[in-house]
Protein backbone atom coordinates (compact mmCIF):
# COMPACT_ATOMS: atom_id res chain seq x y z
CA MET A 1 -16.07 -22.23 -17.63
CA HIS A 2 -13.73 -22.32 -14.64
CA ILE A 3 -11.63 -19.16 -14.09
CA LYS A 4 -8.93 -19.05 -11.43
CA PHE A 5 -7.28 -15.83 -10.26
CA ILE A 6 -4.03 -16.19 -8.31
CA LEU A 7 -1.89 -13.85 -6.19
CA PRO A 8 1.46 -15.62 -5.61
CA SER A 9 3.16 -14.85 -2.31
CA LEU A 10 5.29 -11.71 -2.37
CA THR A 11 7.81 -13.22 0.05
CA GLU A 12 8.49 -16.89 0.63
CA ALA A 13 7.65 -18.22 4.09
CA GLY A 14 11.27 -19.20 4.77
CA SER A 15 12.55 -15.64 4.40
CA PRO A 16 13.75 -13.90 7.60
CA TYR A 17 11.64 -10.93 6.51
CA PHE A 18 8.39 -12.89 6.22
CA ARG A 19 5.80 -11.74 8.78
CA PRO A 20 2.53 -13.66 8.52
CA VAL A 21 0.47 -10.75 9.83
CA LYS A 22 1.90 -8.32 7.28
CA TYR A 23 0.83 -10.59 4.44
CA SER A 24 -2.58 -11.25 5.99
CA LEU A 25 -3.67 -7.61 6.12
CA PHE A 26 -5.52 -7.01 2.84
CA PRO A 27 -7.29 -9.30 0.38
CA PRO A 28 -6.39 -9.08 -3.36
CA LEU A 29 -8.92 -6.40 -4.21
CA GLY A 30 -7.69 -5.99 -7.80
CA LEU A 31 -8.39 -9.63 -8.61
CA ALA A 32 -11.82 -9.38 -6.98
CA THR A 33 -12.54 -6.39 -9.25
CA LEU A 34 -11.54 -8.32 -12.38
CA ALA A 35 -13.73 -11.20 -11.22
CA ALA A 36 -16.70 -8.84 -11.25
CA TYR A 37 -16.49 -8.64 -15.04
CA VAL A 38 -17.00 -12.40 -15.38
CA GLY A 39 -20.53 -13.63 -15.95
CA ARG A 40 -22.20 -15.35 -13.00
CA GLU A 41 -22.70 -18.47 -15.10
CA HIS A 42 -18.95 -19.18 -14.83
CA GLU A 43 -17.14 -20.72 -11.86
CA VAL A 44 -14.68 -18.17 -10.45
CA GLU A 45 -12.21 -18.51 -7.59
CA ILE A 46 -9.50 -16.32 -6.07
CA VAL A 47 -6.46 -17.90 -4.43
CA ASP A 48 -4.18 -15.72 -2.32
CA GLN A 49 -1.05 -17.73 -1.61
CA HIS A 50 -0.35 -15.66 1.51
CA VAL A 51 -3.36 -17.14 3.30
CA GLN A 52 -4.20 -20.26 1.26
CA VAL A 53 -2.47 -23.34 -0.05
CA LEU A 54 -2.16 -23.05 -3.82
CA ARG A 55 -2.84 -26.27 -5.72
CA THR A 56 -1.81 -26.53 -9.35
CA ASP A 57 -3.07 -30.09 -10.01
CA ASP A 58 -6.38 -28.77 -11.39
CA GLU A 59 -7.16 -27.74 -14.97
CA PRO A 60 -9.23 -24.54 -15.06
CA ASP A 61 -10.12 -23.02 -18.40
CA LEU A 62 -8.38 -19.73 -17.61
CA VAL A 63 -5.76 -18.69 -15.04
CA GLY A 64 -5.08 -15.01 -14.30
CA ILE A 65 -2.01 -14.16 -12.19
CA GLU A 66 -1.14 -10.81 -10.62
CA VAL A 67 2.60 -10.21 -10.85
CA TYR A 68 4.66 -7.96 -8.61
CA ILE A 69 8.43 -7.79 -8.79
CA THR A 70 9.10 -9.98 -5.73
CA ASN A 71 6.62 -12.68 -6.72
CA ALA A 72 7.60 -12.74 -10.39
CA LYS A 73 9.65 -15.94 -10.06
CA ARG A 74 6.78 -17.80 -8.40
CA ALA A 75 4.24 -16.28 -10.80
CA TYR A 76 6.18 -17.53 -13.82
CA GLU A 77 6.58 -21.01 -12.34
CA ILE A 78 2.83 -21.22 -11.73
CA ALA A 79 2.07 -19.89 -15.20
CA ASP A 80 4.44 -22.36 -16.87
CA ALA A 81 2.94 -25.28 -14.95
CA TYR A 82 -0.56 -24.46 -16.14
CA ARG A 83 0.45 -23.73 -19.73
CA LYS A 84 2.11 -27.15 -19.99
CA LYS A 85 -1.35 -28.61 -19.37
CA GLY A 86 -2.90 -26.48 -22.10
CA VAL A 87 -4.54 -23.96 -19.75
CA THR A 88 -4.83 -20.40 -21.03
CA VAL A 89 -2.76 -18.11 -18.78
CA ILE A 90 -2.87 -14.32 -18.55
CA LEU A 91 -0.50 -12.10 -16.57
CA GLY A 92 -0.92 -8.53 -15.37
CA GLY A 93 0.31 -6.17 -12.69
CA LEU A 94 3.15 -3.77 -12.00
CA HIS A 95 5.98 -6.08 -13.04
CA VAL A 96 4.31 -7.10 -16.29
CA THR A 97 3.92 -3.44 -17.27
CA SER A 98 7.56 -2.73 -16.39
CA LEU A 99 9.03 -5.73 -18.22
CA PRO A 100 6.48 -6.92 -20.78
CA GLU A 101 8.89 -8.97 -22.88
CA GLU A 102 10.01 -10.95 -19.85
CA ALA A 103 6.41 -11.64 -18.81
CA ALA A 104 5.19 -12.48 -22.31
CA ALA A 105 7.40 -15.59 -22.39
CA HIS A 106 5.21 -17.10 -19.66
CA ALA A 107 1.70 -16.13 -20.81
CA ASP A 108 -0.81 -16.43 -23.60
CA ALA A 109 -1.71 -12.78 -23.06
CA ILE A 110 -0.33 -9.95 -20.93
CA PHE A 111 -1.94 -6.76 -19.63
CA LEU A 112 -0.10 -3.44 -19.51
CA GLY A 113 -1.36 -0.79 -17.10
CA PRO A 114 -4.68 -0.91 -15.23
CA ALA A 115 -7.12 -3.44 -16.66
CA GLU A 116 -10.57 -1.99 -15.93
CA ALA A 117 -11.04 -1.22 -19.64
CA SER A 118 -8.87 -3.90 -21.25
CA PHE A 119 -10.03 -6.96 -19.30
CA PRO A 120 -13.62 -6.90 -20.64
CA VAL A 121 -12.16 -6.71 -24.16
CA PHE A 122 -10.03 -9.76 -23.41
CA LEU A 123 -13.03 -11.71 -22.10
CA ARG A 124 -14.89 -11.13 -25.34
CA ASP A 125 -11.85 -12.17 -27.38
CA TRP A 126 -11.29 -15.27 -25.25
CA GLN A 127 -14.87 -16.43 -25.53
CA ASN A 128 -14.64 -15.94 -29.31
CA GLY A 129 -11.40 -17.92 -29.48
CA ARG A 130 -9.18 -15.10 -30.75
CA ILE A 131 -7.20 -13.58 -27.88
CA GLN A 132 -4.47 -11.05 -28.57
CA PRO A 133 -0.97 -11.44 -27.07
CA ARG A 134 -1.04 -7.99 -25.46
CA TYR A 135 -3.78 -5.78 -23.98
CA VAL A 136 -2.97 -2.16 -23.25
CA SER A 137 -4.98 0.20 -21.08
CA ALA A 138 -6.47 2.61 -23.61
CA GLU A 139 -9.05 4.23 -21.36
CA ARG A 140 -8.61 5.43 -17.78
CA THR A 141 -11.91 5.70 -15.96
CA LEU A 142 -13.66 4.23 -12.94
CA GLU A 143 -17.13 4.96 -14.25
CA ASN A 144 -19.25 1.84 -14.69
CA VAL A 145 -16.62 -0.34 -12.98
CA PRO A 146 -18.55 -3.05 -11.10
CA PRO A 147 -17.98 -3.47 -7.36
CA PRO A 148 -15.46 -6.17 -6.40
CA ARG A 149 -16.73 -9.73 -5.96
CA ARG A 150 -16.11 -9.70 -2.22
CA GLU A 151 -17.96 -12.97 -1.71
CA LEU A 152 -14.94 -14.66 -3.32
CA ILE A 153 -12.67 -13.32 -0.54
CA LYS A 154 -12.17 -15.40 2.61
CA ARG A 155 -12.75 -12.55 5.05
CA SER A 156 -11.82 -14.49 8.19
CA ARG A 157 -8.23 -14.82 6.99
CA TYR A 158 -7.56 -11.06 6.86
CA LEU A 159 -7.13 -8.46 9.58
CA VAL A 160 -8.48 -5.74 7.28
CA PRO A 161 -11.05 -7.36 4.97
CA ASN A 162 -12.71 -3.97 4.43
CA SER A 163 -10.01 -2.59 2.17
CA ILE A 164 -11.29 -0.28 -0.54
CA MET A 165 -9.96 1.83 -3.44
CA VAL A 166 -11.86 4.86 -4.69
CA THR A 167 -9.11 6.39 -6.87
CA ARG A 168 -6.33 5.10 -9.09
CA GLY A 169 -2.76 6.31 -9.31
CA CYS A 170 -1.27 9.53 -7.97
CA PRO A 171 -1.02 13.12 -9.24
CA HIS A 172 2.70 13.21 -8.37
CA HIS A 173 5.57 11.55 -10.24
CA CYS A 174 8.29 10.56 -7.79
CA ASP A 175 11.40 9.25 -9.53
CA PHE A 176 11.54 5.99 -7.55
CA CYS A 177 7.81 5.21 -7.57
CA TYR A 178 7.02 1.80 -9.08
CA LYS A 179 3.35 2.64 -9.55
CA ASP A 180 4.07 5.77 -11.55
CA ALA A 181 5.43 3.59 -14.34
CA PHE A 182 2.24 1.48 -14.21
CA TYR A 183 0.05 4.44 -15.18
CA ARG A 184 2.38 5.88 -17.81
CA GLY A 185 0.79 6.35 -21.22
CA GLY A 186 -2.55 7.68 -20.01
CA LYS A 187 -4.20 9.37 -17.07
CA SER A 188 -1.99 8.90 -14.03
CA PHE A 189 -4.72 9.80 -11.52
CA TYR A 190 -8.50 9.41 -11.72
CA VAL A 191 -11.38 8.93 -9.31
CA GLN A 192 -14.71 7.19 -8.86
CA LYS A 193 -18.01 8.95 -8.74
CA VAL A 194 -18.52 9.95 -5.12
CA GLU A 195 -21.93 8.26 -4.99
CA ASP A 196 -20.40 4.97 -6.20
CA ALA A 197 -17.71 5.16 -3.52
CA LEU A 198 -20.28 5.85 -0.81
CA GLN A 199 -22.45 2.96 -1.97
CA GLU A 200 -19.47 0.59 -1.82
CA ILE A 201 -18.66 1.82 1.71
CA SER A 202 -22.26 1.32 2.82
CA ARG A 203 -22.14 -2.33 1.70
CA LEU A 204 -19.14 -3.17 3.89
CA PRO A 205 -19.94 -4.69 7.31
CA GLY A 206 -18.47 -3.46 10.58
CA ARG A 207 -16.93 -0.06 11.26
CA HIS A 208 -13.32 -0.22 10.06
CA LEU A 209 -12.14 0.68 6.54
CA TYR A 210 -8.71 0.91 4.97
CA PHE A 211 -8.38 3.06 1.85
CA LEU A 212 -5.60 1.53 -0.26
CA ASP A 213 -5.43 4.61 -2.51
CA ASP A 214 -1.94 5.98 -3.06
CA HIS A 215 -3.17 9.52 -2.30
CA LEU A 216 -6.66 9.75 -0.84
CA PHE A 217 -6.51 13.57 -0.88
CA GLY A 218 -5.18 13.76 -4.44
CA HIS A 219 -8.40 15.25 -5.89
CA LYS A 220 -9.59 17.92 -3.45
CA ARG A 221 -13.20 18.17 -4.63
CA PHE A 222 -13.65 14.42 -4.67
CA ALA A 223 -12.05 13.98 -1.24
CA PHE A 224 -14.13 16.78 0.29
CA ASP A 225 -17.39 15.32 -1.04
CA LEU A 226 -16.36 11.81 0.02
CA PHE A 227 -15.65 12.88 3.60
CA GLN A 228 -18.84 14.93 3.74
CA GLY A 229 -20.80 11.88 2.59
CA MET A 230 -19.13 9.66 5.19
CA ARG A 231 -20.14 11.86 8.11
CA GLY A 232 -22.67 10.05 10.24
CA MET A 233 -21.72 6.59 8.92
CA GLY A 234 -19.92 5.75 12.16
CA ARG A 235 -16.81 4.56 10.35
CA VAL A 236 -13.18 4.60 11.48
CA PHE A 237 -10.70 4.48 8.66
CA GLN A 238 -7.07 4.64 7.57
CA GLY A 239 -5.52 5.95 4.39
CA ALA A 240 -2.56 7.74 2.80
CA ALA A 241 -1.82 11.37 1.94
CA THR A 242 1.09 13.75 1.42
CA VAL A 243 2.58 16.35 3.74
CA GLN A 244 1.56 19.03 1.26
CA SER A 245 -2.10 17.96 1.26
CA ILE A 246 -2.20 17.96 5.07
CA LEU A 247 -0.95 21.54 5.24
CA SER A 248 -2.53 23.14 2.18
CA SER A 249 -6.24 22.79 2.91
CA SER A 250 -8.87 21.83 5.47
CA LEU A 251 -9.27 18.35 3.99
CA ILE A 252 -7.54 16.73 6.95
CA GLU A 253 -10.12 18.24 9.32
CA GLU A 254 -12.93 16.99 7.08
CA ALA A 255 -11.35 13.53 7.06
CA ALA A 256 -11.02 13.51 10.84
CA GLU A 257 -14.71 14.40 11.22
CA ALA A 258 -15.56 11.53 8.84
CA GLY A 259 -13.56 9.03 10.92
CA LEU A 260 -9.91 9.17 9.80
CA ARG A 261 -7.80 7.83 12.66
CA SER A 262 -4.50 6.79 11.07
CA LEU A 263 -2.61 8.14 8.05
CA PHE A 264 0.29 6.81 6.00
CA VAL A 265 2.59 9.76 5.18
CA GLY A 266 5.55 9.53 2.81
CA PHE A 267 8.19 11.68 4.50
CA GLU A 268 10.81 9.50 2.73
CA THR A 269 13.84 11.61 3.70
CA LEU A 270 14.86 14.52 5.90
CA ASN A 271 17.37 15.68 3.28
CA PRO A 272 16.12 18.29 0.75
CA ASP A 273 18.78 17.22 -1.77
CA ASN A 274 17.29 13.73 -1.82
CA LEU A 275 13.79 15.14 -2.30
CA HIS A 276 14.98 17.22 -5.23
CA SER A 277 16.85 14.39 -6.95
CA SER A 278 13.85 12.06 -6.50
CA ASN A 279 11.39 14.53 -8.05
CA LYS A 280 9.48 14.60 -4.78
CA HIS A 281 9.10 18.35 -5.02
CA HIS A 282 5.76 18.40 -3.19
CA ASN A 283 7.67 17.62 0.02
CA LEU A 284 10.13 20.48 -0.47
CA HIS A 285 9.59 23.61 1.64
CA GLN A 286 6.93 21.81 3.68
CA SER A 287 7.12 21.71 7.47
CA TYR A 288 7.09 18.07 8.52
CA ASN A 289 6.81 19.17 12.16
CA GLU A 290 3.76 21.31 11.45
CA ALA A 291 2.03 18.51 9.55
CA ILE A 292 2.71 16.03 12.36
CA GLN A 293 1.41 18.43 15.00
CA LYS A 294 -1.73 19.02 12.96
CA LEU A 295 -2.40 15.29 12.74
CA HIS A 296 -1.75 14.74 16.42
CA ASP A 297 -4.03 17.63 17.37
CA LEU A 298 -6.80 15.88 15.45
CA GLY A 299 -6.09 12.55 17.17
CA ILE A 300 -4.75 10.96 13.98
CA MET A 301 -1.94 8.42 14.32
CA ILE A 302 0.88 8.43 11.76
CA ASN A 303 2.60 5.67 9.83
CA GLY A 304 5.69 7.42 8.51
CA SER A 305 7.54 6.10 5.45
CA PHE A 306 11.30 6.61 5.10
CA VAL A 307 13.80 5.63 2.40
CA PHE A 308 17.49 4.98 3.11
CA GLY A 309 20.34 4.91 0.61
CA LEU A 310 19.54 7.82 -1.68
CA ASP A 311 22.68 9.46 -2.99
CA SER A 312 22.84 12.29 -0.44
CA ASP A 313 22.58 9.92 2.54
CA GLY A 314 25.56 9.23 4.77
CA PRO A 315 26.10 6.68 7.56
CA ASP A 316 24.42 8.97 10.10
CA VAL A 317 21.04 8.86 8.32
CA PHE A 318 19.71 5.84 10.23
CA GLN A 319 20.12 7.04 13.80
CA ARG A 320 19.15 10.59 12.88
CA THR A 321 15.92 9.46 11.20
CA VAL A 322 14.93 7.10 14.01
CA GLU A 323 15.56 9.73 16.68
CA TRP A 324 13.54 12.29 14.75
CA ALA A 325 10.61 9.91 14.23
CA VAL A 326 10.56 8.93 17.91
CA ASP A 327 10.82 12.55 19.08
CA GLN A 328 7.92 13.45 16.77
CA GLY A 329 5.71 10.74 18.28
CA ILE A 330 5.20 8.92 15.00
CA THR A 331 3.21 5.80 15.82
CA THR A 332 4.69 3.36 13.33
CA SER A 333 7.53 3.73 10.87
CA THR A 334 8.02 1.88 7.61
CA PHE A 335 11.66 1.91 6.54
CA HIS A 336 12.86 1.05 3.04
CA ILE A 337 16.17 0.61 1.29
CA ALA A 338 16.06 2.69 -1.89
CA THR A 339 15.14 0.28 -4.67
CA PRO A 340 15.44 1.02 -8.41
CA TYR A 341 12.36 -0.71 -9.80
CA PRO A 342 12.42 -1.47 -13.54
CA GLY A 343 10.43 1.07 -15.52
CA THR A 344 11.20 3.97 -13.19
CA GLY A 345 13.42 6.95 -13.80
CA TYR A 346 15.51 5.88 -10.82
CA PHE A 347 16.27 2.50 -12.42
CA HIS A 348 17.14 4.14 -15.73
CA ARG A 349 19.58 6.55 -14.10
CA LEU A 350 21.36 3.85 -12.10
CA GLU A 351 21.43 1.47 -15.06
CA GLN A 352 22.99 4.15 -17.27
CA ALA A 353 25.62 4.69 -14.60
CA GLY A 354 26.35 0.95 -14.33
CA ARG A 355 25.26 0.86 -10.69
CA ILE A 356 22.70 -1.99 -10.80
CA LEU A 357 24.24 -4.93 -8.92
CA THR A 358 21.66 -7.65 -9.52
CA ARG A 359 18.49 -8.47 -11.43
CA ASP A 360 17.36 -11.09 -8.95
CA TRP A 361 13.85 -9.68 -8.57
CA ASP A 362 13.33 -11.53 -5.26
CA LEU A 363 15.76 -9.02 -3.73
CA TYR A 364 13.84 -5.96 -4.98
CA ASP A 365 11.73 -5.87 -1.82
CA THR A 366 13.15 -2.61 -0.31
CA ARG A 367 14.90 -4.79 2.30
CA HIS A 368 18.04 -5.63 0.31
CA VAL A 369 20.71 -3.51 -1.38
CA VAL A 370 20.57 -4.08 -5.15
CA PHE A 371 22.62 -1.12 -6.42
CA GLN A 372 26.03 0.45 -5.95
CA THR A 373 25.70 3.07 -3.23
CA GLN A 374 27.20 6.53 -2.77
CA GLY A 375 27.99 8.07 0.59
CA MET A 376 28.23 4.70 2.36
CA THR A 377 29.04 1.09 1.57
CA GLU A 378 26.40 -1.48 0.63
CA THR A 379 27.11 -3.26 3.93
CA CYS A 380 26.60 -0.05 5.87
CA LEU A 381 23.25 0.52 4.16
CA GLN A 382 22.04 -3.02 4.83
CA GLU A 383 23.12 -3.00 8.47
CA GLY A 384 21.78 0.52 9.03
CA TYR A 385 18.38 -0.43 7.64
CA ASP A 386 18.13 -3.46 9.92
CA ALA A 387 19.25 -1.36 12.89
CA ALA A 388 16.64 1.33 12.18
CA TYR A 389 13.78 -1.15 12.47
CA ARG A 390 15.30 -2.71 15.58
CA ASP A 391 15.90 0.66 17.27
CA PHE A 392 12.60 2.34 16.44
CA TYR A 393 10.60 -0.54 17.90
CA THR A 394 12.52 -0.96 21.16
CA TRP A 395 10.29 -0.75 24.23
CA SER A 396 12.13 2.38 25.37
CA ASN A 397 11.47 4.19 22.09
CA ILE A 398 7.86 3.00 21.94
CA TRP A 399 7.38 4.46 25.42
CA LYS A 400 9.22 7.68 24.57
CA GLY A 401 7.13 8.19 21.44
CA ALA A 402 3.91 7.64 23.37
CA MET A 403 4.83 10.10 26.10
CA GLY A 404 5.20 12.86 23.52
CA HIS A 405 1.44 13.02 23.01
CA GLY A 406 -0.72 15.53 24.84
CA THR A 407 -3.52 13.31 26.16
CA LEU A 408 -3.50 10.14 28.21
CA LYS A 409 -5.79 8.43 25.70
CA HIS A 410 -3.52 9.27 22.77
CA ARG A 411 -0.53 7.94 24.71
CA ALA A 412 -2.39 4.70 25.41
CA LYS A 413 -3.39 4.36 21.76
CA HIS A 414 0.20 4.90 20.65
CA LEU A 415 1.44 2.20 23.01
CA ALA A 416 -1.27 -0.26 22.00
CA TYR A 417 -0.92 0.28 18.26
CA THR A 418 2.89 0.35 18.06
CA ALA A 419 3.50 -2.50 20.49
CA GLY A 420 0.64 -4.54 19.04
CA TRP A 421 2.11 -4.27 15.55
CA LYS A 422 5.66 -5.32 16.43
CA LYS A 423 5.78 -6.96 19.84
CA PHE A 424 3.07 -9.63 19.76
CA GLU A 425 4.05 -11.83 16.79
CA PRO A 426 3.13 -15.11 18.57
CA LEU A 427 -0.44 -13.88 19.11
CA TRP A 428 -0.83 -12.82 15.48
CA ASN A 429 0.63 -16.11 14.27
CA MET A 430 -1.74 -18.10 16.45
CA MET A 431 -4.79 -16.22 15.18
CA ILE A 432 -3.63 -16.71 11.58
CA GLN A 433 -3.17 -20.44 12.10
CA LEU A 434 -6.63 -20.70 13.66
CA ARG A 435 -8.12 -18.76 10.69
CA LYS A 436 -9.55 -16.28 13.21
CA LEU A 437 -7.64 -13.14 12.34
CA ASN A 438 -10.89 -11.26 11.76
CA VAL A 439 -11.84 -11.55 15.44
CA MET A 440 -9.07 -9.04 16.12
CA THR A 441 -10.79 -6.40 14.00
CA PRO A 442 -12.96 -5.08 16.89
CA LEU A 443 -9.76 -4.54 18.89
CA LEU A 444 -8.32 -2.54 16.00
CA GLU A 445 -11.52 -0.49 15.85
CA ALA A 446 -11.25 0.24 19.59
CA ILE A 447 -7.65 1.41 19.26
CA LEU A 448 -8.70 3.65 16.39
CA SER A 449 -11.47 5.28 18.42
CA LYS A 450 -11.56 9.06 18.65
CA THR A 451 -9.14 10.74 21.06
CA GLY A 452 -10.19 14.36 20.74
CA ARG A 453 -7.82 17.28 20.41
CA SER A 454 -4.74 17.73 22.56
CA PRO A 455 -5.20 20.32 25.33
CA GLU A 456 -2.59 22.65 23.84
CA SER A 457 -4.47 22.76 20.53
CA MET A 458 -7.89 23.59 22.02
CA PRO A 459 -9.09 27.19 21.68
CA LEU A 460 -8.81 29.16 24.87
CA PRO A 461 -11.94 30.44 26.65
CA VAL A 462 -12.87 33.99 25.64
CA ALA A 463 -11.84 35.47 28.99
CA GLU A 464 -8.36 33.96 28.75
CA GLU A 465 -7.93 34.95 25.09
CA ALA A 466 -8.52 38.56 26.14
CA LEU A 467 -5.65 38.51 28.61
């Protein structure tokens, strides 16, 4: 049997927002995990349209397509093309779970929610010639989940081939979170066995890792044991956590000792009213400044996430947010236009109020305005978003952000990481075209090397403390 897994491109190459390096960061780990359930006697391939040319002139026995909202149009076109030839097609992913009836029109079977438990059931049904039209995640566990079939991934085409997930979901339920809807109907957050996670890490070559988990610190006991187990492995890694988790325990220190060098933090908004209306209560009454200082003292760079266009935002939100992020020395910023994804509470509220402007899913990429705004016009929101990206990554602001750090090495790392991410597109594009993106990984590892604590955060000698 020939089984073909496909990840259609999330953004078409002709889009002004398409950045080749952004879409060449991580391989499709979810598809590689599903492939691990398939017997070795079958031919299996994974095609990631971001880094490979997708051919549809073949006739595999089974095609599985991962569907996100912004690739839904392409996913359906691919699915329809294969089904016309009599190929069995299955669809899964966030968009399928959000809009199952829409997806079902293009598939022989659809998957709702995570598929670690339901996909093996489908394989048995398929081999017995009696597949069901819908498979729902009935069990939420990572026990006995096989490691991803990484040999099916073309490592040289990714900057971060060593991506890994050791948890699923998130313990929080933000109103606008697309993934929260994906886990609805069962456990919304669950973890691997620590020993399984450590074994997977030990199998990965090189030093660098990127944890794709939505909240790496979401289960304190698991995270503590994971970081303890990683000590001495010589790894440098990146991940994501909340402001609350940085401030409420010593996990961040344990992570730093294990090799954490960069953290994605969802600040989202500086306005408490927006936090409250978005059900992001874990950010309320938390000191962003204190969390940032704690990370910087540990030599951890920050990728800050911010959302524009929530109902309490006004036209001043863009400049105010950029200035704050630069003054705080945040290394990289990811800006988003508030987007009401189907299946979320945010979408439901705006739909009930008649504020949804379009259902063109290609525009639901957090870079376009798709709803009727309050506090500013749609044009103001679109132009302000574009300006925020442009202003944050000016050379003057990159320099200003770097100079806010306490050590020369941290300043140099800030400059290298921020400028490298946004100011050297021709170099990234050349390496992608040459299929040599992985040769840049050692440079990334060097930038993520340990800086040590800032002088102002170091404990004073005993004699000086007594003064």
